[in-house]
């Protein structure tokens, strides 16, 4: 296991203290940091065995032509 020293920024520290105070039983800070880091990496697809989330941003209405779904090869060739 890797060791690291983490400095909790002043703007995050109160939220972290409140979170820990609300948990029963209170988890160790290292467990909270491990879980947060695992969730962060999993969300971005860096943990093995966890699928990446597909994020599709729809185009604005009227951004294409009606025939694109039929003539997609011709549209992409342009």
N, C-alpha and C. Protein backbone atom coordinates (compact mmCIF):
# COMPACT_ATOMS: atom_id res chain seq x y z
N UNK A 1 0.84 -1.18 0.00
CA UNK A 1 0.00 0.00 0.00
C UNK A 1 0.89 1.23 0.00
N UNK A 2 0.50 2.22 -0.80
CA UNK A 2 1.23 3.48 -0.86
C UNK A 2 0.83 4.36 0.31
N UNK A 3 1.79 5.10 0.83
CA UNK A 3 1.50 6.08 1.87
C UNK A 3 1.54 7.46 1.25
N UNK A 4 0.66 8.33 1.72
CA UNK A 4 0.63 9.71 1.23
C UNK A 4 0.19 10.62 2.36
N UNK A 5 0.72 11.81 2.35
CA UNK A 5 0.27 12.83 3.29
C UNK A 5 -0.69 13.73 2.53
N UNK A 6 -1.87 13.91 3.10
CA UNK A 6 -2.89 14.71 2.43
C UNK A 6 -3.21 15.92 3.30
N UNK A 7 -3.22 17.07 2.69
CA UNK A 7 -3.62 18.30 3.37
C UNK A 7 -5.05 18.61 2.95
N UNK A 8 -5.93 18.72 3.93
CA UNK A 8 -7.34 19.03 3.66
C UNK A 8 -7.49 20.55 3.61
N UNK A 9 -7.92 21.09 2.47
CA UNK A 9 -8.07 22.55 2.36
C UNK A 9 -9.10 23.09 3.36
N UNK A 10 -8.89 24.32 3.77
CA UNK A 10 -9.75 24.95 4.77
C UNK A 10 -11.22 25.01 4.33
N UNK A 11 -11.47 25.12 3.02
CA UNK A 11 -12.86 25.22 2.57
C UNK A 11 -13.56 23.85 2.57
N UNK A 12 -12.80 22.76 2.61
CA UNK A 12 -13.39 21.43 2.62
C UNK A 12 -13.47 20.85 4.03
N UNK A 13 -12.58 21.28 4.91
CA UNK A 13 -12.48 20.71 6.26
C UNK A 13 -13.80 20.74 7.04
N UNK A 14 -14.57 21.83 7.04
CA UNK A 14 -15.83 21.81 7.79
C UNK A 14 -16.83 20.77 7.27
N UNK A 15 -16.89 20.63 5.95
CA UNK A 15 -17.80 19.63 5.37
C UNK A 15 -17.36 18.22 5.75
N UNK A 16 -16.06 17.99 5.75
CA UNK A 16 -15.53 16.68 6.14
C UNK A 16 -15.83 16.39 7.61
N UNK A 17 -15.62 17.38 8.47
CA UNK A 17 -15.94 17.20 9.91
C UNK A 17 -17.42 16.91 10.11
N UNK A 18 -18.28 17.63 9.38
CA UNK A 18 -19.72 17.41 9.50
C UNK A 18 -20.10 16.01 9.02
N UNK A 19 -19.50 15.58 7.92
CA UNK A 19 -19.77 14.23 7.40
C UNK A 19 -19.38 13.18 8.43
N UNK A 20 -18.18 13.30 8.97
CA UNK A 20 -17.71 12.32 9.96
C UNK A 20 -18.60 12.32 11.20
N UNK A 21 -19.04 13.50 11.62
CA UNK A 21 -19.89 13.59 12.82
C UNK A 21 -21.25 12.94 12.60
N UNK A 22 -21.74 12.94 11.35
CA UNK A 22 -23.06 12.36 11.05
C UNK A 22 -23.03 10.84 10.90
N UNK A 23 -21.86 10.25 10.77
CA UNK A 23 -21.76 8.80 10.55
C UNK A 23 -21.72 8.06 11.88
N UNK A 24 -22.45 6.96 11.93
CA UNK A 24 -22.44 6.09 13.11
C UNK A 24 -22.22 4.67 12.68
N UNK A 25 -21.21 4.01 13.12
CA UNK A 25 -20.08 4.54 13.88
C UNK A 25 -19.22 5.44 13.00
N UNK A 26 -18.49 6.32 13.64
CA UNK A 26 -17.64 7.26 12.90
C UNK A 26 -16.50 6.50 12.22
N UNK A 27 -16.41 6.60 10.89
CA UNK A 27 -15.33 5.89 10.18
C UNK A 27 -14.00 6.61 10.36
N UNK A 28 -12.91 5.87 10.24
CA UNK A 28 -11.60 6.55 10.28
C UNK A 28 -11.45 7.44 9.04
N UNK A 29 -10.72 8.53 9.21
CA UNK A 29 -10.51 9.46 8.11
C UNK A 29 -9.88 8.75 6.92
N UNK A 30 -8.96 7.82 7.16
CA UNK A 30 -8.33 7.11 6.05
C UNK A 30 -9.34 6.32 5.23
N UNK A 31 -10.35 5.74 5.87
CA UNK A 31 -11.38 4.99 5.14
C UNK A 31 -12.20 5.93 4.25
N UNK A 32 -12.50 7.12 4.75
CA UNK A 32 -13.26 8.10 3.96
C UNK A 32 -12.44 8.54 2.76
N UNK A 33 -11.16 8.79 2.95
CA UNK A 33 -10.29 9.22 1.85
C UNK A 33 -10.15 8.10 0.83
N UNK A 34 -9.98 6.85 1.29
CA UNK A 34 -9.89 5.71 0.37
C UNK A 34 -11.16 5.59 -0.47
N UNK A 35 -12.32 5.67 0.18
CA UNK A 35 -13.59 5.56 -0.54
C UNK A 35 -13.77 6.69 -1.54
N UNK A 36 -13.42 7.90 -1.13
CA UNK A 36 -13.56 9.06 -2.04
C UNK A 36 -12.64 8.92 -3.25
N UNK A 37 -11.42 8.47 -3.01
CA UNK A 37 -10.47 8.31 -4.12
C UNK A 37 -10.92 7.18 -5.05
N UNK A 38 -11.40 6.08 -4.48
CA UNK A 38 -11.90 4.97 -5.31
C UNK A 38 -13.08 5.41 -6.15
N UNK A 39 -14.01 6.17 -5.56
CA UNK A 39 -15.17 6.65 -6.32
C UNK A 39 -14.74 7.60 -7.43
N UNK A 40 -13.79 8.47 -7.14
CA UNK A 40 -13.27 9.42 -8.13
C UNK A 40 -12.65 8.68 -9.31
N UNK A 41 -11.80 7.69 -9.02
CA UNK A 41 -11.13 6.95 -10.09
C UNK A 41 -12.09 6.04 -10.85
N UNK A 42 -13.05 5.45 -10.16
CA UNK A 42 -14.03 4.58 -10.83
C UNK A 42 -14.91 5.39 -11.77
N UNK A 43 -15.30 6.57 -11.34
CA UNK A 43 -16.15 7.43 -12.17
C UNK A 43 -15.46 7.79 -13.48
N UNK A 44 -14.16 7.87 -13.44
CA UNK A 44 -13.39 8.24 -14.64
C UNK A 44 -12.86 7.03 -15.40
N UNK A 45 -13.21 5.81 -14.92
CA UNK A 45 -12.85 4.59 -15.63
C UNK A 45 -11.44 4.10 -15.41
N UNK A 46 -10.80 4.50 -14.32
CA UNK A 46 -9.42 4.10 -14.07
C UNK A 46 -9.28 2.88 -13.16
N UNK A 47 -10.35 2.41 -12.58
CA UNK A 47 -10.26 1.19 -11.77
C UNK A 47 -10.64 0.01 -12.64
N UNK A 48 -9.82 -1.04 -12.66
CA UNK A 48 -10.13 -2.20 -13.50
C UNK A 48 -11.43 -2.87 -13.08
N UNK A 49 -12.14 -3.38 -14.07
CA UNK A 49 -13.37 -4.10 -13.77
C UNK A 49 -14.58 -3.22 -13.57
N UNK A 50 -14.39 -1.93 -13.63
CA UNK A 50 -15.52 -1.01 -13.47
C UNK A 50 -15.73 -0.30 -14.80
N UNK A 51 -16.94 -0.39 -15.35
CA UNK A 51 -17.18 0.22 -16.66
C UNK A 51 -17.20 1.74 -16.58
N UNK A 52 -16.75 2.36 -17.65
CA UNK A 52 -16.85 3.82 -17.75
C UNK A 52 -18.29 4.20 -18.04
N UNK A 53 -18.70 5.29 -17.51
CA UNK A 53 -20.03 5.80 -17.78
C UNK A 53 -20.04 6.50 -19.12
N UNK A 54 -21.00 6.15 -19.97
CA UNK A 54 -21.12 6.80 -21.26
C UNK A 54 -21.86 8.12 -21.07
N UNK A 55 -21.23 9.19 -21.48
CA UNK A 55 -21.86 10.50 -21.35
C UNK A 55 -22.06 11.08 -22.74
N UNK A 56 -23.30 11.23 -23.11
CA UNK A 56 -23.64 11.78 -24.42
C UNK A 56 -24.28 13.14 -24.23
N UNK A 57 -23.74 14.12 -24.90
CA UNK A 57 -24.32 15.45 -24.86
C UNK A 57 -25.08 15.67 -26.16
N UNK A 58 -26.40 15.80 -26.08
CA UNK A 58 -27.17 15.97 -27.31
C UNK A 58 -26.85 17.30 -27.99
N UNK A 59 -26.91 17.28 -29.31
CA UNK A 59 -26.72 18.51 -30.07
C UNK A 59 -27.96 19.37 -29.93
N UNK A 60 -27.79 20.65 -30.16
CA UNK A 60 -28.95 21.53 -30.06
C UNK A 60 -29.93 21.20 -31.18
N UNK A 61 -31.17 21.49 -30.92
CA UNK A 61 -32.23 21.18 -31.89
C UNK A 61 -31.98 21.94 -33.19
N UNK A 62 -32.10 21.22 -34.29
CA UNK A 62 -31.92 21.83 -35.59
C UNK A 62 -30.46 21.91 -36.03
N UNK A 63 -29.58 21.17 -35.36
CA UNK A 63 -28.16 21.27 -35.68
C UNK A 63 -27.74 20.41 -36.87
N UNK A 64 -28.61 19.49 -37.31
CA UNK A 64 -28.26 18.60 -38.41
C UNK A 64 -29.36 18.56 -39.45
N UNK A 65 -29.29 17.56 -40.30
CA UNK A 65 -30.33 17.40 -41.31
C UNK A 65 -31.15 16.17 -40.98
N UNK A 66 -32.35 16.11 -41.51
CA UNK A 66 -33.25 14.99 -41.21
C UNK A 66 -32.77 13.66 -41.78
N UNK A 67 -31.97 13.71 -42.85
CA UNK A 67 -31.56 12.48 -43.51
C UNK A 67 -30.27 11.90 -42.96
N UNK A 68 -29.69 12.51 -41.95
CA UNK A 68 -28.41 12.06 -41.44
C UNK A 68 -28.46 10.61 -40.97
N UNK A 69 -29.54 10.21 -40.33
CA UNK A 69 -29.62 8.83 -39.84
C UNK A 69 -29.68 7.83 -40.98
N UNK A 70 -30.17 8.24 -42.14
CA UNK A 70 -30.26 7.36 -43.30
C UNK A 70 -28.99 7.45 -44.14
N UNK A 71 -28.53 8.69 -44.37
CA UNK A 71 -27.37 8.92 -45.24
C UNK A 71 -26.11 9.23 -44.44
N UNK A 72 -25.89 8.54 -43.33
CA UNK A 72 -24.76 8.88 -42.45
C UNK A 72 -23.41 8.73 -43.13
N UNK A 73 -23.25 7.74 -44.00
CA UNK A 73 -21.97 7.57 -44.70
C UNK A 73 -21.65 8.79 -45.57
N UNK A 74 -22.64 9.28 -46.28
CA UNK A 74 -22.43 10.45 -47.14
C UNK A 74 -22.14 11.69 -46.30
N UNK A 75 -22.85 11.83 -45.18
CA UNK A 75 -22.64 13.00 -44.31
C UNK A 75 -21.24 12.97 -43.72
N UNK A 76 -20.79 11.81 -43.26
CA UNK A 76 -19.46 11.70 -42.67
C UNK A 76 -18.35 11.84 -43.70
N UNK A 77 -18.62 11.51 -44.94
CA UNK A 77 -17.60 11.63 -45.98
C UNK A 77 -17.33 13.08 -46.35
N UNK A 78 -18.30 13.96 -46.07
CA UNK A 78 -18.13 15.39 -46.42
C UNK A 78 -17.13 16.09 -45.56
